[in-house]
Amino acid sequence: MDLAADLAVFYGPEFAREFTHAPTGVVFRAIFGVADQHALDGYAITAEFEIQYPSASVTLRDGDQVIDSGGDGVEAGTVWKVRENPMRINDGLESSVLLSRVNP
């Protein structure tokens, strides 16, 4: 089993899109997701934005900004702020991080 090949397919153009790490200019592919979160005993719904990406493609830290190439209802050029240090998943091959929109 070739995990690098599997990641290349998973993060290909069918499932992922490009983001640019603003501080370094590194372009990387990530899967963008939105999960609804219930607050106040289910009376209000907020959205959690996150990306999942190959850990080796970029080093993200809390407070960094990434620029979205657009898709899934998000305009190209949307800037996101990394809300926490990434969480490693799948034996550290991939990472996931929460985002907050910087510009509308």
N, C-alpha and C. Protein backbone atom coordinates (compact mmCIF):
# COMPACT_ATOMS: atom_id res chain seq x y z
N MET A 1 0.84 -1.18 0.00
CA MET A 1 0.00 0.00 0.00
C MET A 1 0.89 1.24 0.00
N ASP A 2 0.64 2.16 -0.95
CA ASP A 2 1.42 3.38 -1.08
C ASP A 2 0.62 4.56 -0.55
N LEU A 3 0.89 4.95 0.69
CA LEU A 3 0.12 6.02 1.32
C LEU A 3 0.30 7.36 0.62
N ALA A 4 1.49 7.63 0.10
CA ALA A 4 1.73 8.89 -0.61
C ALA A 4 0.84 8.98 -1.84
N ALA A 5 0.70 7.87 -2.57
CA ALA A 5 -0.17 7.85 -3.75
C ALA A 5 -1.62 8.03 -3.34
N ASP A 6 -2.02 7.40 -2.24
CA ASP A 6 -3.39 7.55 -1.76
C ASP A 6 -3.69 9.00 -1.40
N LEU A 7 -2.74 9.66 -0.73
CA LEU A 7 -2.93 11.06 -0.36
C LEU A 7 -3.02 11.94 -1.61
N ALA A 8 -2.22 11.63 -2.63
CA ALA A 8 -2.25 12.42 -3.86
C ALA A 8 -3.62 12.36 -4.52
N VAL A 9 -4.26 11.20 -4.48
CA VAL A 9 -5.60 11.07 -5.05
C VAL A 9 -6.61 11.80 -4.17
N PHE A 10 -6.52 11.60 -2.88
CA PHE A 10 -7.46 12.19 -1.93
C PHE A 10 -7.41 13.72 -1.98
N TYR A 11 -6.22 14.27 -2.17
CA TYR A 11 -6.05 15.73 -2.21
C TYR A 11 -5.94 16.25 -3.63
N GLY A 12 -6.43 15.50 -4.59
CA GLY A 12 -6.48 15.92 -5.98
C GLY A 12 -7.61 16.91 -6.21
N PRO A 13 -7.76 17.37 -7.46
CA PRO A 13 -8.74 18.42 -7.76
C PRO A 13 -10.21 18.02 -7.55
N GLU A 14 -10.51 16.75 -7.49
CA GLU A 14 -11.90 16.34 -7.28
C GLU A 14 -12.37 16.57 -5.85
N PHE A 15 -11.45 16.50 -4.91
CA PHE A 15 -11.84 16.59 -3.50
C PHE A 15 -11.28 17.80 -2.77
N ALA A 16 -10.17 18.36 -3.23
CA ALA A 16 -9.48 19.42 -2.50
C ALA A 16 -9.27 20.64 -3.40
N ARG A 17 -8.97 21.75 -2.77
CA ARG A 17 -8.64 22.96 -3.53
C ARG A 17 -7.40 23.61 -2.93
N GLU A 18 -6.88 24.62 -3.64
CA GLU A 18 -5.64 25.26 -3.20
C GLU A 18 -5.88 26.36 -2.18
N PHE A 19 -4.97 26.42 -1.24
CA PHE A 19 -4.88 27.49 -0.27
C PHE A 19 -3.46 27.99 -0.29
N THR A 20 -3.26 29.26 0.04
CA THR A 20 -1.92 29.84 0.13
C THR A 20 -1.67 30.25 1.56
N HIS A 21 -0.58 29.77 2.13
CA HIS A 21 -0.17 30.16 3.48
C HIS A 21 0.39 31.57 3.37
N ALA A 22 -0.35 32.56 3.87
CA ALA A 22 0.00 33.96 3.67
C ALA A 22 1.40 34.33 4.15
N PRO A 23 1.84 33.87 5.33
CA PRO A 23 3.17 34.29 5.79
C PRO A 23 4.32 33.81 4.90
N THR A 24 4.17 32.63 4.29
CA THR A 24 5.30 32.05 3.54
C THR A 24 5.07 31.98 2.04
N GLY A 25 3.81 32.11 1.60
CA GLY A 25 3.50 31.98 0.17
C GLY A 25 3.40 30.54 -0.31
N VAL A 26 3.51 29.57 0.61
CA VAL A 26 3.41 28.16 0.25
C VAL A 26 1.98 27.85 -0.18
N VAL A 27 1.85 27.24 -1.36
CA VAL A 27 0.55 26.82 -1.86
C VAL A 27 0.38 25.34 -1.53
N PHE A 28 -0.77 25.00 -0.95
CA PHE A 28 -1.03 23.61 -0.58
C PHE A 28 -2.48 23.27 -0.88
N ARG A 29 -2.78 22.00 -0.99
CA ARG A 29 -4.14 21.54 -1.25
C ARG A 29 -4.76 21.06 0.05
N ALA A 30 -6.04 21.40 0.23
CA ALA A 30 -6.75 21.02 1.45
C ALA A 30 -8.22 20.78 1.12
N ILE A 31 -8.83 19.98 1.96
CA ILE A 31 -10.26 19.74 1.86
C ILE A 31 -10.94 20.66 2.85
N PHE A 32 -11.85 21.50 2.34
CA PHE A 32 -12.56 22.48 3.15
C PHE A 32 -13.85 21.86 3.64
N GLY A 33 -14.17 22.08 4.90
CA GLY A 33 -15.41 21.55 5.45
C GLY A 33 -16.10 22.54 6.35
N VAL A 34 -17.41 22.41 6.41
CA VAL A 34 -18.23 23.22 7.30
C VAL A 34 -19.10 22.28 8.10
N ALA A 35 -19.03 22.39 9.42
CA ALA A 35 -19.86 21.56 10.29
C ALA A 35 -20.72 22.48 11.15
N ASP A 36 -22.01 22.23 11.16
CA ASP A 36 -22.90 23.00 12.02
C ASP A 36 -22.72 22.59 13.47
N GLN A 37 -22.68 23.57 14.33
CA GLN A 37 -22.56 23.33 15.75
C GLN A 37 -23.77 23.94 16.46
N HIS A 38 -24.35 23.20 17.37
CA HIS A 38 -25.49 23.71 18.12
C HIS A 38 -24.99 24.41 19.38
N ALA A 39 -25.59 25.54 19.68
CA ALA A 39 -25.23 26.29 20.88
C ALA A 39 -26.51 26.62 21.64
N LEU A 40 -26.40 26.95 22.88
CA LEU A 40 -27.53 27.34 23.72
C LEU A 40 -28.64 26.29 23.68
N ASP A 41 -28.28 25.08 24.02
CA ASP A 41 -29.23 23.96 24.08
C ASP A 41 -29.97 23.73 22.77
N GLY A 42 -29.26 23.92 21.65
CA GLY A 42 -29.85 23.63 20.36
C GLY A 42 -30.66 24.75 19.74
N TYR A 43 -30.70 25.92 20.37
CA TYR A 43 -31.51 27.02 19.85
C TYR A 43 -30.78 27.88 18.83
N ALA A 44 -29.49 27.83 18.79
CA ALA A 44 -28.73 28.61 17.81
C ALA A 44 -27.76 27.67 17.11
N ILE A 45 -27.56 27.95 15.85
CA ILE A 45 -26.64 27.12 15.09
C ILE A 45 -25.51 28.00 14.57
N THR A 46 -24.31 27.59 14.82
CA THR A 46 -23.14 28.28 14.29
C THR A 46 -22.41 27.31 13.38
N ALA A 47 -21.49 27.81 12.62
CA ALA A 47 -20.73 26.94 11.72
C ALA A 47 -19.27 26.91 12.12
N GLU A 48 -18.69 25.75 12.05
CA GLU A 48 -17.27 25.56 12.27
C GLU A 48 -16.64 25.31 10.90
N PHE A 49 -15.67 26.12 10.53
CA PHE A 49 -14.96 25.95 9.27
C PHE A 49 -13.63 25.27 9.56
N GLU A 50 -13.27 24.33 8.73
CA GLU A 50 -11.99 23.64 8.93
C GLU A 50 -11.42 23.18 7.61
N ILE A 51 -10.13 22.93 7.63
CA ILE A 51 -9.47 22.29 6.49
C ILE A 51 -8.70 21.08 6.99
N GLN A 52 -8.60 20.11 6.11
CA GLN A 52 -7.79 18.92 6.35
C GLN A 52 -6.79 18.85 5.20
N TYR A 53 -5.52 18.59 5.52
CA TYR A 53 -4.46 18.67 4.52
C TYR A 53 -3.32 17.72 4.88
N PRO A 54 -2.48 17.37 3.89
CA PRO A 54 -1.31 16.55 4.20
C PRO A 54 -0.35 17.33 5.10
N SER A 55 0.05 16.75 6.20
CA SER A 55 0.89 17.45 7.18
C SER A 55 2.21 17.94 6.59
N ALA A 56 2.77 17.20 5.66
CA ALA A 56 4.07 17.56 5.09
C ALA A 56 3.99 18.73 4.11
N SER A 57 2.78 19.14 3.72
CA SER A 57 2.66 20.17 2.68
C SER A 57 2.86 21.59 3.20
N VAL A 58 2.58 21.83 4.47
CA VAL A 58 2.69 23.18 5.03
C VAL A 58 2.73 23.08 6.55
N THR A 59 3.34 24.08 7.19
CA THR A 59 3.33 24.17 8.64
C THR A 59 2.44 25.34 9.04
N LEU A 60 1.30 25.02 9.62
CA LEU A 60 0.37 26.05 10.08
C LEU A 60 0.45 26.19 11.59
N ARG A 61 0.25 27.41 12.06
CA ARG A 61 0.24 27.69 13.49
C ARG A 61 -0.95 28.58 13.83
N ASP A 62 -1.37 28.54 15.07
CA ASP A 62 -2.44 29.39 15.56
C ASP A 62 -2.13 30.84 15.20
N GLY A 63 -3.09 31.52 14.57
CA GLY A 63 -2.92 32.92 14.20
C GLY A 63 -2.47 33.14 12.77
N ASP A 64 -1.95 32.12 12.10
CA ASP A 64 -1.56 32.24 10.70
C ASP A 64 -2.79 32.54 9.85
N GLN A 65 -2.55 33.09 8.66
CA GLN A 65 -3.63 33.31 7.72
C GLN A 65 -3.40 32.49 6.46
N VAL A 66 -4.51 31.99 5.89
CA VAL A 66 -4.45 31.26 4.62
C VAL A 66 -5.45 31.91 3.67
N ILE A 67 -5.10 31.92 2.39
CA ILE A 67 -5.94 32.52 1.36
C ILE A 67 -6.54 31.39 0.53
N ASP A 68 -7.84 31.43 0.40
CA ASP A 68 -8.62 30.38 -0.25
C ASP A 68 -8.71 30.64 -1.75
N SER A 69 -8.54 29.60 -2.56
CA SER A 69 -8.69 29.75 -4.01
C SER A 69 -10.16 29.74 -4.42
N GLY A 70 -11.05 29.42 -3.50
CA GLY A 70 -12.48 29.49 -3.75
C GLY A 70 -13.10 28.16 -4.13
N GLY A 71 -14.37 28.04 -3.82
CA GLY A 71 -15.14 26.84 -4.11
C GLY A 71 -16.10 26.56 -2.97
N ASP A 72 -17.06 25.68 -3.20
CA ASP A 72 -18.05 25.31 -2.16
C ASP A 72 -18.74 26.54 -1.58
N GLY A 73 -19.05 27.53 -2.45
CA GLY A 73 -19.73 28.73 -1.98
C GLY A 73 -18.84 29.79 -1.38
N VAL A 74 -17.53 29.57 -1.38
CA VAL A 74 -16.57 30.53 -0.84
C VAL A 74 -15.89 31.23 -2.01
N GLU A 75 -15.82 32.56 -1.96
CA GLU A 75 -15.19 33.32 -3.04
C GLU A 75 -13.67 33.17 -3.01
N ALA A 76 -13.08 33.16 -4.21
CA ALA A 76 -11.62 33.15 -4.32
C ALA A 76 -11.07 34.40 -3.64
N GLY A 77 -9.98 34.25 -2.94
CA GLY A 77 -9.36 35.36 -2.24
C GLY A 77 -9.82 35.54 -0.81
N THR A 78 -10.77 34.71 -0.36
CA THR A 78 -11.21 34.78 1.03
C THR A 78 -10.04 34.44 1.94
N VAL A 79 -9.86 35.25 2.96
CA VAL A 79 -8.76 35.05 3.91
C VAL A 79 -9.32 34.42 5.18
N TRP A 80 -8.65 33.37 5.64
CA TRP A 80 -9.03 32.66 6.86
C TRP A 80 -7.90 32.76 7.87
N LYS A 81 -8.26 32.86 9.14
CA LYS A 81 -7.28 32.84 10.22
C LYS A 81 -7.32 31.46 10.88
N VAL A 82 -6.15 30.88 11.08
CA VAL A 82 -6.04 29.60 11.77
C VAL A 82 -6.36 29.83 13.24
N ARG A 83 -7.33 29.08 13.76
CA ARG A 83 -7.83 29.31 15.12
C ARG A 83 -7.12 28.53 16.21
N GLU A 84 -6.33 27.58 15.85
CA GLU A 84 -5.64 26.76 16.85
C GLU A 84 -4.49 26.06 16.16
N ASN A 85 -3.62 25.47 16.93
CA ASN A 85 -2.58 24.66 16.32
C ASN A 85 -3.23 23.41 15.72
N PRO A 86 -2.72 22.94 14.59
CA PRO A 86 -3.33 21.79 13.91
C PRO A 86 -3.37 20.53 14.77
N MET A 87 -4.39 19.72 14.52
CA MET A 87 -4.51 18.41 15.16
C MET A 87 -4.06 17.38 14.13
N ARG A 88 -3.10 16.55 14.51
CA ARG A 88 -2.63 15.50 13.60
C ARG A 88 -3.61 14.35 13.59
N ILE A 89 -3.86 13.81 12.41
CA ILE A 89 -4.75 12.66 12.26
C ILE A 89 -4.10 11.65 11.33
N ASN A 90 -4.63 10.44 11.32
CA ASN A 90 -4.11 9.36 10.47
C ASN A 90 -2.60 9.17 10.62
N ASP A 91 -2.19 8.91 11.85
CA ASP A 91 -0.78 8.70 12.18
C ASP A 91 0.11 9.89 11.84
N GLY A 92 -0.47 11.08 11.82
CA GLY A 92 0.30 12.29 11.56
C GLY A 92 0.50 12.61 10.09
N LEU A 93 0.02 11.77 9.18
CA LEU A 93 0.15 12.05 7.76
C LEU A 93 -0.70 13.23 7.33
N GLU A 94 -1.81 13.43 8.04
CA GLU A 94 -2.71 14.53 7.74
C GLU A 94 -2.92 15.36 8.99
N SER A 95 -3.35 16.59 8.76
CA SER A 95 -3.68 17.50 9.87
C SER A 95 -5.01 18.17 9.59
N SER A 96 -5.65 18.61 10.67
CA SER A 96 -6.91 19.32 10.57
C SER A 96 -6.82 20.55 11.46
N VAL A 97 -7.40 21.66 10.99
CA VAL A 97 -7.36 22.88 11.78
C VAL A 97 -8.64 23.68 11.55
N LEU A 98 -9.11 24.35 12.61
CA LEU A 98 -10.29 25.21 12.54
C LEU A 98 -9.89 26.58 12.00
N LEU A 99 -10.83 27.19 11.27
CA LEU A 99 -10.59 28.49 10.65
C LEU A 99 -11.68 29.50 11.03
N SER A 100 -11.32 30.78 11.02
CA SER A 100 -12.28 31.87 11.15
C SER A 100 -12.08 32.80 9.95
N ARG A 101 -13.18 33.25 9.37
CA ARG A 101 -13.09 34.14 8.20
C ARG A 101 -12.59 35.51 8.64
N VAL A 102 -11.62 36.05 7.89
CA VAL A 102 -11.06 37.37 8.19
C VAL A 102 -11.80 38.45 7.41
N ASN A 103 -12.05 38.20 6.13
CA ASN A 103 -12.77 39.17 5.32
C ASN A 103 -14.09 38.57 4.84
N PRO A 104 -15.13 39.38 4.73
CA PRO A 104 -16.44 38.82 4.33
C PRO A 104 -16.48 38.39 2.87
